[in-house]
N, C-alpha and C. Protein backbone atom coordinates (compact mmCIF):
# COMPACT_ATOMS: atom_id res chain seq x y z
N UNK A 1 -2.10 17.95 -65.60
CA UNK A 1 -2.04 17.83 -67.04
C UNK A 1 -2.31 16.52 -67.54
N UNK A 2 -3.22 16.77 -68.58
CA UNK A 2 -3.69 15.25 -69.54
C UNK A 2 -2.32 14.78 -70.34
N UNK A 3 -2.60 13.92 -70.77
CA UNK A 3 -1.90 13.33 -71.70
C UNK A 3 -1.34 13.96 -73.17
N UNK A 4 -2.75 14.11 -73.71
CA UNK A 4 -2.68 14.78 -74.64
C UNK A 4 -2.12 16.10 -74.80
N UNK A 5 -1.65 16.99 -73.77
CA UNK A 5 -1.43 18.00 -73.88
C UNK A 5 0.10 18.16 -73.75
N UNK A 6 0.88 16.73 -73.79
CA UNK A 6 1.99 16.43 -73.71
C UNK A 6 2.31 16.52 -75.44
N UNK A 7 1.24 16.18 -76.14
CA UNK A 7 1.45 16.02 -77.95
C UNK A 7 2.15 17.36 -78.13
N UNK A 8 3.09 17.36 -79.11
CA UNK A 8 3.66 18.17 -80.00
C UNK A 8 2.26 19.13 -80.77
N UNK A 9 2.42 20.27 -80.88
CA UNK A 9 1.09 21.22 -81.41
C UNK A 9 0.81 20.84 -82.72
N UNK A 10 1.04 20.28 -83.56
CA UNK A 10 0.88 19.62 -84.54
C UNK A 10 -0.23 18.88 -84.49
N UNK A 11 -0.39 17.86 -83.24
CA UNK A 11 -1.12 17.16 -83.10
C UNK A 11 -2.46 17.56 -82.10
N UNK A 12 -2.17 18.35 -81.97
CA UNK A 12 -3.17 18.81 -80.98
C UNK A 12 -4.44 19.17 -81.77
N UNK A 13 -4.77 19.11 -82.94
CA UNK A 13 -5.95 19.18 -83.66
C UNK A 13 -6.78 17.63 -83.02
N UNK A 14 -6.14 16.59 -82.53
CA UNK A 14 -6.67 15.19 -82.26
C UNK A 14 -6.86 15.31 -81.18
N UNK A 15 -7.26 16.72 -80.56
CA UNK A 15 -7.74 16.44 -79.05
C UNK A 15 -8.91 15.37 -78.99
N UNK A 16 -9.83 15.24 -79.69
CA UNK A 16 -10.96 14.13 -79.32
C UNK A 16 -10.37 12.65 -78.89
N UNK A 17 -9.01 12.56 -78.98
CA UNK A 17 -8.34 11.59 -78.87
C UNK A 17 -7.90 11.45 -77.09
N UNK A 18 -7.82 12.45 -76.69
CA UNK A 18 -7.50 12.39 -75.36
C UNK A 18 -8.15 11.35 -74.41
N UNK A 19 -9.51 11.28 -74.39
CA UNK A 19 -10.11 10.21 -73.81
C UNK A 19 -9.45 8.96 -73.90
N UNK A 20 -9.23 8.45 -75.44
CA UNK A 20 -8.83 7.45 -75.41
C UNK A 20 -7.38 6.90 -75.64
N UNK A 21 -6.68 8.18 -75.58
CA UNK A 21 -4.97 7.91 -75.57
C UNK A 21 -4.52 7.62 -74.38
N UNK A 22 -3.57 6.18 -74.26
CA UNK A 22 -3.29 5.47 -73.36
C UNK A 22 -2.19 4.97 -73.34
N UNK A 23 -1.22 4.66 -72.58
CA UNK A 23 -0.08 4.26 -72.65
C UNK A 23 0.53 2.88 -72.11
N UNK A 24 1.17 2.16 -72.61
CA UNK A 24 1.48 0.81 -72.13
C UNK A 24 2.78 1.14 -71.44
N UNK A 25 2.92 0.46 -69.89
CA UNK A 25 4.14 1.30 -69.36
C UNK A 25 4.83 -0.36 -69.23
N UNK A 26 6.36 -0.17 -69.74
CA UNK A 26 7.51 -1.59 -69.32
C UNK A 26 8.32 -1.00 -68.36
N UNK A 27 8.29 -1.74 -67.27
CA UNK A 27 8.69 -1.50 -65.72
C UNK A 27 9.79 -2.66 -65.67
N UNK A 28 10.88 -2.40 -65.94
CA UNK A 28 12.16 -3.06 -65.32
C UNK A 28 11.98 -3.44 -64.00
N UNK A 29 12.13 -4.44 -63.51
CA UNK A 29 12.69 -4.67 -62.23
C UNK A 29 13.64 -5.66 -61.65
N UNK A 30 14.36 -5.38 -60.95
CA UNK A 30 15.26 -6.41 -59.93
C UNK A 30 15.24 -5.96 -58.56
N UNK A 31 14.42 -7.04 -58.05
CA UNK A 31 14.59 -7.06 -56.18
C UNK A 31 14.16 -5.69 -56.20
N UNK A 32 12.92 -5.60 -56.76
CA UNK A 32 11.91 -4.68 -56.61
C UNK A 32 10.97 -4.64 -55.48
N UNK A 33 10.87 -5.89 -54.98
CA UNK A 33 9.85 -6.31 -53.90
C UNK A 33 9.03 -5.36 -52.94
N UNK A 34 10.02 -4.67 -52.34
CA UNK A 34 10.01 -3.45 -51.59
C UNK A 34 9.22 -2.43 -51.89
N UNK A 35 9.28 -1.78 -53.27
CA UNK A 35 8.92 -0.77 -53.62
C UNK A 35 7.96 -0.87 -54.81
N UNK A 36 7.74 -2.27 -55.27
CA UNK A 36 6.76 -2.13 -56.58
C UNK A 36 5.74 -1.63 -56.24
N UNK A 37 4.99 -2.13 -55.09
CA UNK A 37 3.43 -1.48 -54.76
C UNK A 37 3.74 -0.26 -54.97
N UNK A 38 4.28 0.71 -53.83
CA UNK A 38 4.46 2.28 -54.25
C UNK A 38 4.77 2.48 -55.52
N UNK A 39 5.68 1.80 -56.64
CA UNK A 39 6.07 2.55 -57.85
C UNK A 39 4.49 2.08 -59.05
N UNK A 40 4.11 0.96 -58.66
CA UNK A 40 2.61 0.89 -59.26
C UNK A 40 1.54 1.80 -59.09
N UNK A 41 1.34 1.95 -57.85
CA UNK A 41 0.15 3.11 -57.41
C UNK A 41 0.82 4.73 -57.98
N UNK A 42 2.07 4.89 -58.08
CA UNK A 42 2.61 6.01 -58.44
C UNK A 42 1.94 6.39 -59.76
N UNK A 43 1.57 5.42 -60.64
CA UNK A 43 1.57 5.65 -61.75
C UNK A 43 0.20 5.89 -62.39
N UNK A 44 -0.50 6.82 -62.83
CA UNK A 44 -1.69 7.65 -63.04
C UNK A 44 -2.51 6.73 -63.71
N UNK A 45 -3.40 6.06 -63.40
CA UNK A 45 -4.34 5.09 -63.53
C UNK A 45 -5.03 5.45 -64.76
N UNK A 46 -5.44 6.55 -64.82
CA UNK A 46 -6.55 7.09 -66.27
C UNK A 46 -5.63 7.32 -67.51
N UNK A 47 -4.04 7.03 -67.52
CA UNK A 47 -3.37 7.33 -68.67
C UNK A 47 -3.15 5.96 -68.74
N UNK A 48 -3.02 4.70 -68.49
CA UNK A 48 -2.28 3.37 -68.49
C UNK A 48 -3.31 2.81 -68.74
N UNK A 49 -3.05 2.24 -69.92
CA UNK A 49 -3.55 0.90 -70.69
C UNK A 49 -3.02 -0.31 -70.04
N UNK A 50 -1.83 -0.82 -69.80
CA UNK A 50 -1.52 -1.80 -69.23
C UNK A 50 -0.13 -1.55 -68.99
N UNK A 51 0.23 -2.36 -67.56
CA UNK A 51 1.91 -2.45 -67.21
C UNK A 51 2.74 -3.59 -67.32
N UNK A 52 3.65 -3.88 -67.97
CA UNK A 52 4.23 -4.91 -68.48
C UNK A 52 5.73 -4.92 -67.34
N UNK A 53 5.66 -5.87 -66.55
CA UNK A 53 6.63 -5.91 -65.68
C UNK A 53 7.81 -6.97 -66.32
N UNK A 54 9.07 -6.18 -66.50
CA UNK A 54 10.29 -7.18 -67.01
C UNK A 54 11.28 -7.54 -65.81
N UNK A 55 11.26 -8.92 -65.40
CA UNK A 55 12.18 -9.38 -63.85
C UNK A 55 13.26 -9.53 -64.48
N UNK A 56 14.02 -9.18 -63.77
CA UNK A 56 15.73 -9.47 -64.33
C UNK A 56 16.34 -10.47 -63.30
N UNK A 57 15.66 -11.59 -63.23
CA UNK A 57 15.81 -12.69 -62.24
C UNK A 57 15.97 -12.01 -60.74
N UNK A 58 15.10 -11.66 -60.32
CA UNK A 58 15.50 -11.10 -59.14
C UNK A 58 15.33 -12.29 -58.06
N UNK A 59 15.77 -12.33 -57.26
CA UNK A 59 16.20 -13.51 -55.99
C UNK A 59 15.02 -12.74 -54.76
N UNK A 60 14.17 -11.86 -54.66
CA UNK A 60 13.37 -11.43 -53.75
C UNK A 60 12.07 -12.02 -54.00
N UNK A 61 11.14 -11.40 -53.67
CA UNK A 61 9.27 -11.50 -53.74
C UNK A 61 9.02 -10.53 -54.69
N UNK A 62 9.75 -10.20 -55.65
CA UNK A 62 9.43 -9.38 -56.53
C UNK A 62 7.91 -10.10 -57.57
N UNK A 63 8.10 -11.23 -58.06
CA UNK A 63 7.09 -11.88 -58.86
C UNK A 63 5.86 -11.95 -58.12
N UNK A 64 5.87 -12.52 -56.78
CA UNK A 64 5.07 -12.60 -55.77
C UNK A 64 4.16 -11.43 -55.68
N UNK A 65 5.23 -10.21 -55.66
CA UNK A 65 4.06 -8.72 -55.26
C UNK A 65 3.32 -8.76 -56.93
N UNK A 66 4.13 -8.96 -57.67
CA UNK A 66 3.38 -8.36 -58.88
C UNK A 66 2.31 -9.17 -59.43
N UNK A 67 2.13 -10.33 -59.15
CA UNK A 67 1.28 -11.36 -59.23
C UNK A 67 0.23 -10.66 -58.37
N UNK A 68 -0.10 -10.17 -57.07
CA UNK A 68 -1.15 -9.69 -56.33
C UNK A 68 -1.39 -8.30 -56.97
N UNK A 69 -0.94 -7.49 -57.50
CA UNK A 69 -0.96 -6.10 -58.27
C UNK A 69 -2.36 -6.19 -59.26
């Protein structure tokens, strides 16, 4: 399913935007070092413009893992 298909019907005439329509993912994280890579890989890249990671003072390697992605 394409992202534009999730729009309410009143916005469907703007199908020409479907190639330009992107989202910004805000991803909260707390000690997510073990799961962060899989989580980011599971986000469909064709609809994402940017991923913002919000770290809540993790005590593991969340920041280091995020910097490598």
